[in-house]
Amino acid sequence: MRRLLFKSACLIAVLIAPSLASAAGTLPPGPCRLIDPSTCPNANELVKSSGFAQALGHFANSAKASYFRSNRTLSEQALAVFAGTPEHVVLLEDKRFLFAAIPSHDRGGDAAVVILNEFGQIQALGFSSFHCDVACEDHRYLDFYVRKDTQDATVLAALKSWGTSDKMRNSVWRSDADDGLDGRTAVHVLP
């Protein structure tokens, strides 16, 4: 009888231990899921989530630019940056999430940002760069991409706040690289 009670107690312990550990916060959180951005702590994890690369490619279509390298797709450039050094996710109004990162080999001021809604749909994509075609320019640019059917003031304000934050301004290696940044800030509307 003791043996049966002991086995029963062990079985119960095995069954409830994961729940207790999870409640105590000792188990790692679940995987980052695009359909629930609140599960993603940063851009590195977001990039690894199932479907993110495809969603980014769909959002940006085949649009190309020369932000970090000459004539590359927006999604290729963003994915390369998001695999670099991430910042923690920022919760915005209306259950939106801002993910940002800098490239692994940052030139000081290069970065990318993406804003997702609570369902993982991309609302906007942004770049802080020196427009590198044949060579990189001396001044920093901000380029933001939104869909014509999803642009709104909250998203645009969050993008601009990110791009002009003290953190971004202090990351620029040359003090005059941001002179006139307002004139080099563009909002591109994707079809």
N, C-alpha and C. Protein backbone atom coordinates (compact mmCIF):
# COMPACT_ATOMS: atom_id res chain seq x y z
N MET A 1 0.82 -1.19 0.00
CA MET A 1 0.00 0.00 0.00
C MET A 1 0.87 1.26 0.00
N ARG A 2 1.91 1.25 0.82
CA ARG A 2 2.82 2.40 0.85
C ARG A 2 3.44 2.63 -0.52
N ARG A 3 3.79 1.55 -1.15
CA ARG A 3 4.41 1.65 -2.47
C ARG A 3 3.44 2.31 -3.45
N LEU A 4 2.19 1.95 -3.43
CA LEU A 4 1.17 2.52 -4.30
C LEU A 4 0.98 4.01 -4.00
N LEU A 5 0.94 4.38 -2.74
CA LEU A 5 0.82 5.79 -2.36
C LEU A 5 2.03 6.58 -2.82
N PHE A 6 3.21 5.99 -2.65
CA PHE A 6 4.44 6.67 -3.07
C PHE A 6 4.44 6.89 -4.58
N LYS A 7 4.05 5.88 -5.35
CA LYS A 7 3.99 6.01 -6.82
C LYS A 7 2.96 7.07 -7.22
N SER A 8 1.83 7.09 -6.54
CA SER A 8 0.79 8.07 -6.83
C SER A 8 1.29 9.49 -6.55
N ALA A 9 1.97 9.64 -5.42
CA ALA A 9 2.51 10.96 -5.06
C ALA A 9 3.54 11.40 -6.09
N CYS A 10 4.39 10.49 -6.54
CA CYS A 10 5.40 10.84 -7.57
C CYS A 10 4.73 11.23 -8.87
N LEU A 11 3.71 10.50 -9.26
CA LEU A 11 3.00 10.81 -10.50
C LEU A 11 2.35 12.20 -10.42
N ILE A 12 1.73 12.49 -9.30
CA ILE A 12 1.11 13.80 -9.12
C ILE A 12 2.17 14.89 -9.17
N ALA A 13 3.30 14.68 -8.53
CA ALA A 13 4.39 15.66 -8.53
C ALA A 13 4.88 15.92 -9.95
N VAL A 14 5.03 14.85 -10.72
CA VAL A 14 5.50 14.99 -12.11
C VAL A 14 4.48 15.77 -12.94
N LEU A 15 3.22 15.55 -12.68
CA LEU A 15 2.18 16.22 -13.46
C LEU A 15 2.01 17.69 -13.10
N ILE A 16 2.15 18.05 -11.83
CA ILE A 16 1.92 19.44 -11.46
C ILE A 16 3.20 20.27 -11.38
N ALA A 17 4.36 19.66 -11.37
CA ALA A 17 5.61 20.42 -11.25
C ALA A 17 5.78 21.45 -12.37
N PRO A 18 5.53 21.09 -13.64
CA PRO A 18 5.68 22.12 -14.69
C PRO A 18 4.77 23.32 -14.48
N SER A 19 3.54 23.09 -14.01
CA SER A 19 2.62 24.20 -13.76
C SER A 19 3.14 25.09 -12.64
N LEU A 20 3.64 24.49 -11.58
CA LEU A 20 4.17 25.26 -10.46
C LEU A 20 5.41 26.04 -10.88
N ALA A 21 6.30 25.40 -11.65
CA ALA A 21 7.52 26.07 -12.09
C ALA A 21 7.19 27.23 -13.02
N SER A 22 6.21 27.00 -13.89
CA SER A 22 5.82 28.07 -14.81
C SER A 22 5.23 29.25 -14.05
N ALA A 23 4.40 28.95 -13.06
CA ALA A 23 3.81 30.02 -12.26
C ALA A 23 4.88 30.77 -11.49
N ALA A 24 5.93 30.08 -11.10
CA ALA A 24 7.02 30.73 -10.36
C ALA A 24 7.97 31.47 -11.28
N GLY A 25 7.80 31.29 -12.59
CA GLY A 25 8.65 32.00 -13.54
C GLY A 25 10.00 31.35 -13.77
N THR A 26 10.14 30.06 -13.44
CA THR A 26 11.43 29.41 -13.61
C THR A 26 11.57 28.73 -14.96
N LEU A 27 10.47 28.52 -15.67
CA LEU A 27 10.57 27.94 -17.00
C LEU A 27 10.72 29.06 -18.02
N PRO A 28 11.48 28.84 -19.10
CA PRO A 28 11.59 29.88 -20.11
C PRO A 28 10.24 30.12 -20.78
N PRO A 29 10.00 31.35 -21.24
CA PRO A 29 8.74 31.62 -21.91
C PRO A 29 8.64 30.80 -23.20
N GLY A 30 7.42 30.69 -23.69
CA GLY A 30 7.22 29.94 -24.93
C GLY A 30 7.90 30.62 -26.10
N PRO A 31 7.84 29.99 -27.25
CA PRO A 31 8.51 30.56 -28.42
C PRO A 31 7.81 31.83 -28.91
N CYS A 32 8.58 32.67 -29.55
CA CYS A 32 8.05 33.89 -30.16
C CYS A 32 7.16 33.48 -31.33
N ARG A 33 5.94 34.02 -31.34
CA ARG A 33 5.00 33.70 -32.41
C ARG A 33 4.55 34.99 -33.09
N LEU A 34 4.68 35.04 -34.39
CA LEU A 34 4.27 36.22 -35.16
C LEU A 34 2.82 36.58 -34.90
N ILE A 35 1.95 35.60 -34.76
CA ILE A 35 0.53 35.88 -34.57
C ILE A 35 0.22 36.46 -33.19
N ASP A 36 1.23 36.49 -32.31
CA ASP A 36 1.09 37.10 -30.98
C ASP A 36 2.41 37.78 -30.62
N PRO A 37 2.64 38.99 -31.13
CA PRO A 37 3.92 39.67 -30.91
C PRO A 37 4.27 39.87 -29.43
N SER A 38 3.30 39.77 -28.53
CA SER A 38 3.61 39.92 -27.12
C SER A 38 4.50 38.79 -26.62
N THR A 39 4.63 37.71 -27.39
CA THR A 39 5.49 36.59 -27.01
C THR A 39 6.94 36.81 -27.45
N CYS A 40 7.21 37.90 -28.14
CA CYS A 40 8.54 38.16 -28.69
C CYS A 40 9.24 39.27 -27.89
N PRO A 41 10.38 38.96 -27.25
CA PRO A 41 11.06 39.96 -26.44
C PRO A 41 11.87 40.98 -27.24
N ASN A 42 12.24 40.61 -28.48
CA ASN A 42 13.07 41.53 -29.28
C ASN A 42 13.04 41.13 -30.75
N ALA A 43 13.71 41.93 -31.58
CA ALA A 43 13.71 41.72 -33.04
C ALA A 43 14.41 40.42 -33.43
N ASN A 44 15.45 40.01 -32.69
CA ASN A 44 16.13 38.75 -33.01
C ASN A 44 15.17 37.58 -32.96
N GLU A 45 14.35 37.55 -31.91
CA GLU A 45 13.39 36.47 -31.77
C GLU A 45 12.27 36.59 -32.80
N LEU A 46 11.87 37.81 -33.10
CA LEU A 46 10.82 38.03 -34.09
C LEU A 46 11.26 37.49 -35.45
N VAL A 47 12.51 37.74 -35.82
CA VAL A 47 13.02 37.27 -37.12
C VAL A 47 12.96 35.74 -37.21
N LYS A 48 13.15 35.06 -36.09
CA LYS A 48 13.14 33.60 -36.06
C LYS A 48 11.73 33.02 -36.06
N SER A 49 10.73 33.85 -35.81
CA SER A 49 9.36 33.34 -35.71
C SER A 49 8.87 32.88 -37.09
N SER A 50 8.07 31.86 -37.06
CA SER A 50 7.52 31.28 -38.29
C SER A 50 6.67 32.30 -39.03
N GLY A 51 7.01 32.56 -40.27
CA GLY A 51 6.22 33.43 -41.12
C GLY A 51 6.66 34.89 -41.17
N PHE A 52 7.58 35.32 -40.28
CA PHE A 52 7.94 36.73 -40.27
C PHE A 52 8.62 37.16 -41.57
N ALA A 53 9.59 36.40 -42.04
CA ALA A 53 10.30 36.77 -43.27
C ALA A 53 9.33 36.87 -44.45
N GLN A 54 8.39 35.95 -44.52
CA GLN A 54 7.40 35.98 -45.60
C GLN A 54 6.48 37.20 -45.46
N ALA A 55 6.06 37.48 -44.24
CA ALA A 55 5.19 38.64 -44.01
C ALA A 55 5.91 39.94 -44.37
N LEU A 56 7.18 40.02 -44.02
CA LEU A 56 7.96 41.21 -44.34
C LEU A 56 8.12 41.36 -45.86
N GLY A 57 8.40 40.26 -46.53
CA GLY A 57 8.51 40.29 -47.99
C GLY A 57 7.20 40.70 -48.65
N HIS A 58 6.10 40.21 -48.10
CA HIS A 58 4.78 40.58 -48.64
C HIS A 58 4.50 42.06 -48.40
N PHE A 59 4.83 42.56 -47.20
CA PHE A 59 4.59 43.97 -46.88
C PHE A 59 5.38 44.88 -47.82
N ALA A 60 6.66 44.57 -48.01
CA ALA A 60 7.54 45.45 -48.80
C ALA A 60 7.49 45.17 -50.29
N ASN A 61 6.77 44.10 -50.69
CA ASN A 61 6.75 43.69 -52.09
C ASN A 61 8.17 43.50 -52.59
N SER A 62 8.48 43.99 -53.75
CA SER A 62 9.84 43.85 -54.29
C SER A 62 10.57 45.19 -54.27
N ALA A 63 10.10 46.12 -53.46
CA ALA A 63 10.72 47.45 -53.39
C ALA A 63 12.19 47.34 -53.00
N LYS A 64 13.01 48.14 -53.67
CA LYS A 64 14.45 48.13 -53.41
C LYS A 64 14.92 49.53 -53.02
N ALA A 65 16.02 49.56 -52.30
CA ALA A 65 16.64 50.84 -51.90
C ALA A 65 18.10 50.56 -51.60
N SER A 66 18.83 51.59 -51.28
CA SER A 66 20.25 51.47 -50.97
C SER A 66 20.54 52.08 -49.59
N TYR A 67 20.00 51.44 -48.57
CA TYR A 67 20.18 51.97 -47.21
C TYR A 67 21.51 51.52 -46.61
N PHE A 68 21.77 50.23 -46.64
CA PHE A 68 23.00 49.70 -46.06
C PHE A 68 23.90 49.10 -47.14
N ARG A 69 23.28 48.65 -48.20
CA ARG A 69 23.96 48.11 -49.38
C ARG A 69 23.22 48.59 -50.61
N SER A 70 23.90 48.59 -51.71
CA SER A 70 23.33 49.11 -52.95
C SER A 70 22.24 48.21 -53.52
N ASN A 71 21.09 48.81 -53.83
CA ASN A 71 20.01 48.18 -54.59
C ASN A 71 19.59 46.82 -54.05
N ARG A 72 19.22 46.77 -52.79
CA ARG A 72 18.74 45.54 -52.15
C ARG A 72 17.27 45.70 -51.78
N THR A 73 16.56 44.58 -51.67
CA THR A 73 15.16 44.68 -51.28
C THR A 73 15.05 45.20 -49.85
N LEU A 74 13.94 45.85 -49.57
CA LEU A 74 13.70 46.36 -48.22
C LEU A 74 13.71 45.22 -47.21
N SER A 75 13.07 44.11 -47.56
CA SER A 75 12.99 43.00 -46.61
C SER A 75 14.37 42.40 -46.36
N GLU A 76 15.20 42.28 -47.38
CA GLU A 76 16.56 41.74 -47.20
C GLU A 76 17.36 42.64 -46.25
N GLN A 77 17.27 43.94 -46.43
CA GLN A 77 18.01 44.87 -45.58
C GLN A 77 17.49 44.83 -44.14
N ALA A 78 16.17 44.81 -43.98
CA ALA A 78 15.59 44.78 -42.64
C ALA A 78 15.95 43.48 -41.92
N LEU A 79 15.85 42.34 -42.59
CA LEU A 79 16.18 41.06 -41.97
C LEU A 79 17.63 41.02 -41.50
N ALA A 80 18.52 41.59 -42.29
CA ALA A 80 19.94 41.62 -41.91
C ALA A 80 20.14 42.45 -40.64
N VAL A 81 19.44 43.56 -40.53
CA VAL A 81 19.57 44.41 -39.34
C VAL A 81 18.92 43.75 -38.13
N PHE A 82 17.72 43.18 -38.29
CA PHE A 82 17.02 42.56 -37.17
C PHE A 82 17.79 41.36 -36.60
N ALA A 83 18.69 40.79 -37.38
CA ALA A 83 19.53 39.70 -36.88
C ALA A 83 20.73 40.25 -36.10
N GLY A 84 20.88 41.57 -36.06
CA GLY A 84 21.99 42.20 -35.35
C GLY A 84 21.71 42.36 -33.87
N THR A 85 22.01 43.54 -33.32
CA THR A 85 21.83 43.80 -31.90
C THR A 85 20.45 44.40 -31.66
N PRO A 86 19.57 43.66 -30.97
CA PRO A 86 18.19 44.13 -30.80
C PRO A 86 18.00 45.01 -29.58
N GLU A 87 16.93 45.79 -29.63
CA GLU A 87 16.45 46.52 -28.46
C GLU A 87 15.25 45.72 -27.94
N HIS A 88 14.84 46.00 -26.72
CA HIS A 88 13.64 45.34 -26.20
C HIS A 88 12.42 45.88 -26.92
N VAL A 89 11.43 45.03 -27.07
CA VAL A 89 10.19 45.43 -27.72
C VAL A 89 9.54 46.57 -26.92
N VAL A 90 8.89 47.48 -27.65
CA VAL A 90 8.19 48.60 -27.02
C VAL A 90 6.70 48.45 -27.33
N LEU A 91 5.88 48.45 -26.29
CA LEU A 91 4.44 48.39 -26.46
C LEU A 91 3.92 49.79 -26.74
N LEU A 92 3.23 49.94 -27.86
CA LEU A 92 2.66 51.23 -28.26
C LEU A 92 1.16 51.24 -27.97
N GLU A 93 0.53 52.37 -28.23
CA GLU A 93 -0.93 52.46 -28.08
C GLU A 93 -1.62 51.48 -29.02
N ASP A 94 -2.85 51.18 -28.71
CA ASP A 94 -3.69 50.31 -29.55
C ASP A 94 -3.08 48.93 -29.77
N LYS A 95 -2.39 48.40 -28.76
CA LYS A 95 -1.83 47.04 -28.81
C LYS A 95 -0.92 46.85 -30.02
N ARG A 96 -0.05 47.80 -30.24
CA ARG A 96 0.95 47.70 -31.30
C ARG A 96 2.32 47.51 -30.66
N PHE A 97 3.23 46.90 -31.41
CA PHE A 97 4.54 46.56 -30.89
C PHE A 97 5.63 47.09 -31.82
N LEU A 98 6.62 47.76 -31.25
CA LEU A 98 7.73 48.31 -32.02
C LEU A 98 8.97 47.47 -31.72
N PHE A 99 9.55 46.89 -32.77
CA PHE A 99 10.78 46.10 -32.68
C PHE A 99 11.87 46.84 -33.44
N ALA A 100 13.03 47.02 -32.81
CA ALA A 100 14.13 47.73 -33.46
C ALA A 100 15.44 47.01 -33.19
N ALA A 101 16.40 47.24 -34.08
CA ALA A 101 17.73 46.65 -33.92
C ALA A 101 18.74 47.47 -34.72
N ILE A 102 19.99 47.27 -34.41
CA ILE A 102 21.09 47.86 -35.18
C ILE A 102 21.88 46.73 -35.81
N PRO A 103 22.52 46.98 -36.94
CA PRO A 103 23.30 45.92 -37.59
C PRO A 103 24.45 45.45 -36.70
N SER A 104 24.89 44.24 -36.93
CA SER A 104 26.02 43.69 -36.17
C SER A 104 27.25 44.57 -36.28
N HIS A 105 27.50 45.08 -37.47
CA HIS A 105 28.65 45.95 -37.71
C HIS A 105 28.13 47.36 -37.93
N ASP A 106 27.65 47.97 -36.84
CA ASP A 106 27.02 49.29 -36.90
C ASP A 106 28.03 50.39 -37.22
N ARG A 107 27.63 51.26 -38.14
CA ARG A 107 28.46 52.42 -38.49
C ARG A 107 28.11 53.63 -37.64
N GLY A 108 27.20 53.45 -36.68
CA GLY A 108 26.78 54.56 -35.84
C GLY A 108 25.62 55.31 -36.46
N GLY A 109 24.41 54.93 -36.12
CA GLY A 109 23.23 55.58 -36.66
C GLY A 109 22.43 54.68 -37.58
N ASP A 110 22.98 53.55 -37.98
CA ASP A 110 22.23 52.60 -38.82
C ASP A 110 21.31 51.78 -37.92
N ALA A 111 20.08 51.59 -38.35
CA ALA A 111 19.12 50.80 -37.58
C ALA A 111 17.89 50.52 -38.44
N ALA A 112 17.07 49.61 -37.96
CA ALA A 112 15.79 49.32 -38.62
C ALA A 112 14.73 49.11 -37.54
N VAL A 113 13.48 49.33 -37.93
CA VAL A 113 12.36 49.21 -37.01
C VAL A 113 11.17 48.64 -37.77
N VAL A 114 10.35 47.87 -37.06
CA VAL A 114 9.10 47.38 -37.63
C VAL A 114 8.03 47.51 -36.55
N ILE A 115 6.83 47.88 -36.97
CA ILE A 115 5.70 47.98 -36.05
C ILE A 115 4.66 46.95 -36.47
N LEU A 116 4.22 46.15 -35.50
CA LEU A 116 3.21 45.12 -35.73
C LEU A 116 1.98 45.43 -34.90
N ASN A 117 0.81 45.01 -35.39
CA ASN A 117 -0.38 45.11 -34.55
C ASN A 117 -0.46 43.87 -33.68
N GLU A 118 -1.48 43.76 -32.85
CA GLU A 118 -1.59 42.66 -31.90
C GLU A 118 -1.71 41.29 -32.55
N PHE A 119 -2.04 41.24 -33.83
CA PHE A 119 -2.19 39.99 -34.55
C PHE A 119 -0.97 39.64 -35.39
N GLY A 120 0.08 40.46 -35.30
CA GLY A 120 1.31 40.20 -36.04
C GLY A 120 1.32 40.75 -37.45
N GLN A 121 0.37 41.59 -37.79
CA GLN A 121 0.34 42.20 -39.11
C GLN A 121 1.27 43.42 -39.10
N ILE A 122 2.10 43.53 -40.12
CA ILE A 122 3.06 44.62 -40.19
C ILE A 122 2.34 45.92 -40.54
N GLN A 123 2.53 46.93 -39.70
CA GLN A 123 1.92 48.24 -39.89
C GLN A 123 2.89 49.22 -40.55
N ALA A 124 4.19 49.04 -40.26
CA ALA A 124 5.19 49.97 -40.80
C ALA A 124 6.57 49.36 -40.69
N LEU A 125 7.46 49.87 -41.53
CA LEU A 125 8.87 49.47 -41.56
C LEU A 125 9.68 50.74 -41.68
N GLY A 126 10.79 50.82 -40.97
CA GLY A 126 11.59 52.03 -41.02
C GLY A 126 13.08 51.76 -41.00
N PHE A 127 13.83 52.71 -41.55
CA PHE A 127 15.28 52.61 -41.62
C PHE A 127 15.92 53.93 -41.20
N SER A 128 16.98 53.83 -40.44
CA SER A 128 17.87 54.95 -40.15
C SER A 128 19.17 54.56 -40.83
N SER A 129 19.59 55.34 -41.81
CA SER A 129 20.77 54.94 -42.59
C SER A 129 21.48 56.15 -43.18
N PHE A 130 22.57 55.84 -43.86
CA PHE A 130 23.36 56.86 -44.53
C PHE A 130 23.29 56.72 -46.05
N HIS A 131 22.23 56.06 -46.54
CA HIS A 131 22.02 55.88 -47.98
C HIS A 131 23.31 55.47 -48.68
N CYS A 132 23.58 54.19 -48.64
CA CYS A 132 24.83 53.65 -49.20
C CYS A 132 24.58 53.06 -50.58
N ASP A 133 24.97 53.78 -51.62
CA ASP A 133 24.90 53.25 -52.97
C ASP A 133 26.32 52.84 -53.34
N VAL A 134 27.05 53.66 -54.06
CA VAL A 134 28.46 53.39 -54.35
C VAL A 134 29.27 53.60 -53.07
N ALA A 135 28.96 54.68 -52.37
CA ALA A 135 29.57 54.99 -51.06
C ALA A 135 28.45 55.52 -50.18
N CYS A 136 28.67 55.51 -48.88
CA CYS A 136 27.66 56.02 -47.95
C CYS A 136 27.77 57.53 -47.83
N GLU A 137 26.62 58.17 -47.68
CA GLU A 137 26.60 59.63 -47.54
C GLU A 137 27.04 60.03 -46.14
N ASP A 138 27.26 61.32 -45.95
CA ASP A 138 27.75 61.83 -44.67
C ASP A 138 26.64 62.14 -43.67
N HIS A 139 25.41 62.23 -44.14
CA HIS A 139 24.30 62.59 -43.27
C HIS A 139 23.32 61.43 -43.14
N ARG A 140 22.68 61.35 -41.98
CA ARG A 140 21.73 60.28 -41.70
C ARG A 140 20.37 60.61 -42.29
N TYR A 141 19.68 59.58 -42.75
CA TYR A 141 18.34 59.67 -43.32
C TYR A 141 17.39 58.78 -42.52
N LEU A 142 16.14 59.17 -42.50
CA LEU A 142 15.07 58.33 -41.95
C LEU A 142 14.09 58.04 -43.06
N ASP A 143 13.85 56.77 -43.33
CA ASP A 143 12.91 56.35 -44.36
C ASP A 143 11.90 55.41 -43.74
N PHE A 144 10.62 55.79 -43.80
CA PHE A 144 9.55 55.01 -43.20
C PHE A 144 8.60 54.52 -44.29
N TYR A 145 8.17 53.27 -44.17
CA TYR A 145 7.27 52.65 -45.14
C TYR A 145 5.98 52.25 -44.45
N VAL A 146 4.86 52.65 -45.05
CA VAL A 146 3.54 52.28 -44.57
C VAL A 146 2.70 51.88 -45.78
N ARG A 147 1.66 51.12 -45.53
CA ARG A 147 0.70 50.79 -46.58
C ARG A 147 -0.32 51.90 -46.65
N LYS A 148 -0.80 52.19 -47.85
CA LYS A 148 -1.74 53.30 -48.00
C LYS A 148 -3.02 53.07 -47.19
N ASP A 149 -3.38 51.81 -46.95
CA ASP A 149 -4.61 51.54 -46.20
C ASP A 149 -4.38 51.41 -44.70
N THR A 150 -3.13 51.49 -44.23
CA THR A 150 -2.88 51.33 -42.79
C THR A 150 -2.13 52.49 -42.17
N GLN A 151 -1.90 53.55 -42.91
CA GLN A 151 -1.17 54.66 -42.30
C GLN A 151 -2.06 55.41 -41.31
N ASP A 152 -1.46 55.72 -40.17
CA ASP A 152 -2.17 56.55 -39.21
C ASP A 152 -1.16 57.34 -38.38
N ALA A 153 -1.67 58.36 -37.72
CA ALA A 153 -0.81 59.30 -37.00
C ALA A 153 -0.03 58.64 -35.87
N THR A 154 -0.62 57.66 -35.20
CA THR A 154 0.06 56.99 -34.08
C THR A 154 1.30 56.25 -34.56
N VAL A 155 1.16 55.52 -35.65
CA VAL A 155 2.29 54.76 -36.20
C VAL A 155 3.38 55.72 -36.68
N LEU A 156 3.01 56.75 -37.41
CA LEU A 156 4.01 57.70 -37.91
C LEU A 156 4.70 58.43 -36.76
N ALA A 157 3.97 58.77 -35.72
CA ALA A 157 4.58 59.43 -34.56
C ALA A 157 5.57 58.51 -33.86
N ALA A 158 5.22 57.23 -33.74
CA ALA A 158 6.13 56.26 -33.10
C ALA A 158 7.41 56.10 -33.92
N LEU A 159 7.28 56.04 -35.24
CA LEU A 159 8.46 55.93 -36.10
C LEU A 159 9.37 57.14 -35.95
N LYS A 160 8.77 58.31 -36.01
CA LYS A 160 9.57 59.54 -35.90
C LYS A 160 10.21 59.65 -34.52
N SER A 161 9.48 59.29 -33.50
CA SER A 161 10.03 59.33 -32.14
C SER A 161 11.22 58.38 -32.02
N TRP A 162 11.11 57.20 -32.59
CA TRP A 162 12.21 56.24 -32.59
C TRP A 162 13.43 56.82 -33.32
N GLY A 163 13.22 57.33 -34.50
CA GLY A 163 14.32 57.82 -35.33
C GLY A 163 15.01 59.06 -34.81
N THR A 164 14.29 59.87 -34.04
CA THR A 164 14.87 61.11 -33.52
C THR A 164 15.16 61.05 -32.03
N SER A 165 15.04 59.85 -31.45
CA SER A 165 15.27 59.70 -30.01
C SER A 165 16.72 60.05 -29.65
N ASP A 166 16.93 60.38 -28.39
CA ASP A 166 18.29 60.65 -27.92
C ASP A 166 19.19 59.45 -28.15
N LYS A 167 18.63 58.26 -27.96
CA LYS A 167 19.43 57.04 -28.17
C LYS A 167 19.95 56.98 -29.60
N MET A 168 19.08 57.26 -30.57
CA MET A 168 19.52 57.23 -31.97
C MET A 168 20.48 58.38 -32.27
N ARG A 169 20.16 59.56 -31.80
CA ARG A 169 21.03 60.72 -32.05
C ARG A 169 22.41 60.53 -31.42
N ASN A 170 22.45 59.93 -30.24
CA ASN A 170 23.74 59.71 -29.56
C ASN A 170 24.55 58.58 -30.18
N SER A 171 23.91 57.75 -30.99
CA SER A 171 24.63 56.64 -31.61
C SER A 171 25.41 57.08 -32.86
N VAL A 172 25.08 58.25 -33.38
CA VAL A 172 25.74 58.75 -34.60
C VAL A 172 27.17 59.15 -34.27
N TRP A 173 28.10 58.68 -35.06
CA TRP A 173 29.52 58.92 -34.78
C TRP A 173 29.95 60.36 -35.01
N ARG A 174 29.37 61.01 -36.02
CA ARG A 174 29.73 62.41 -36.31
C ARG A 174 28.63 63.32 -35.81
N SER A 175 28.98 64.32 -35.06
CA SER A 175 27.98 65.19 -34.43
C SER A 175 27.12 65.95 -35.46
N ASP A 176 27.64 66.21 -36.63
CA ASP A 176 26.87 66.96 -37.63
C ASP A 176 26.06 66.07 -38.58
N ALA A 177 26.10 64.76 -38.39
CA ALA A 177 25.40 63.84 -39.30
C ALA A 177 23.88 64.00 -39.25
N ASP A 178 23.36 64.54 -38.15
CA ASP A 178 21.91 64.73 -38.03
C ASP A 178 21.46 66.15 -38.34
N ASP A 179 22.38 67.04 -38.68
CA ASP A 179 22.00 68.41 -39.03
C ASP A 179 21.02 68.37 -40.21
N GLY A 180 19.85 68.96 -40.03
CA GLY A 180 18.85 68.98 -41.10
C GLY A 180 18.13 67.66 -41.31
N LEU A 181 18.09 66.80 -40.28
CA LEU A 181 17.47 65.48 -40.42
C LEU A 181 15.99 65.57 -40.83
N ASP A 182 15.28 66.58 -40.38
CA ASP A 182 13.87 66.71 -40.76
C ASP A 182 13.70 66.76 -42.28
N GLY A 183 14.64 67.39 -42.98
CA GLY A 183 14.58 67.46 -44.43
C GLY A 183 14.98 66.16 -45.12
N ARG A 184 15.51 65.24 -44.35
CA ARG A 184 15.91 63.92 -44.90
C ARG A 184 15.08 62.79 -44.30
N THR A 185 13.88 63.14 -43.84
CA THR A 185 12.95 62.16 -43.31
C THR A 185 11.83 62.00 -44.33
N ALA A 186 11.61 60.76 -44.77
CA ALA A 186 10.61 60.52 -45.82
C ALA A 186 9.66 59.41 -45.39
N VAL A 187 8.39 59.59 -45.74
CA VAL A 187 7.38 58.55 -45.55
C VAL A 187 7.02 58.04 -46.94
N HIS A 188 7.27 56.76 -47.16
CA HIS A 188 6.98 56.12 -48.45
C HIS A 188 5.71 55.29 -48.29
N VAL A 189 4.78 55.48 -49.20
CA VAL A 189 3.51 54.74 -49.12
C VAL A 189 3.58 53.59 -50.12
N LEU A 190 3.43 52.37 -49.60
CA LEU A 190 3.45 51.18 -50.43
C LEU A 190 2.03 50.85 -50.89
N PRO A 191 1.90 50.29 -52.08
CA PRO A 191 0.55 49.95 -52.58
C PRO A 191 -0.10 48.83 -51.77
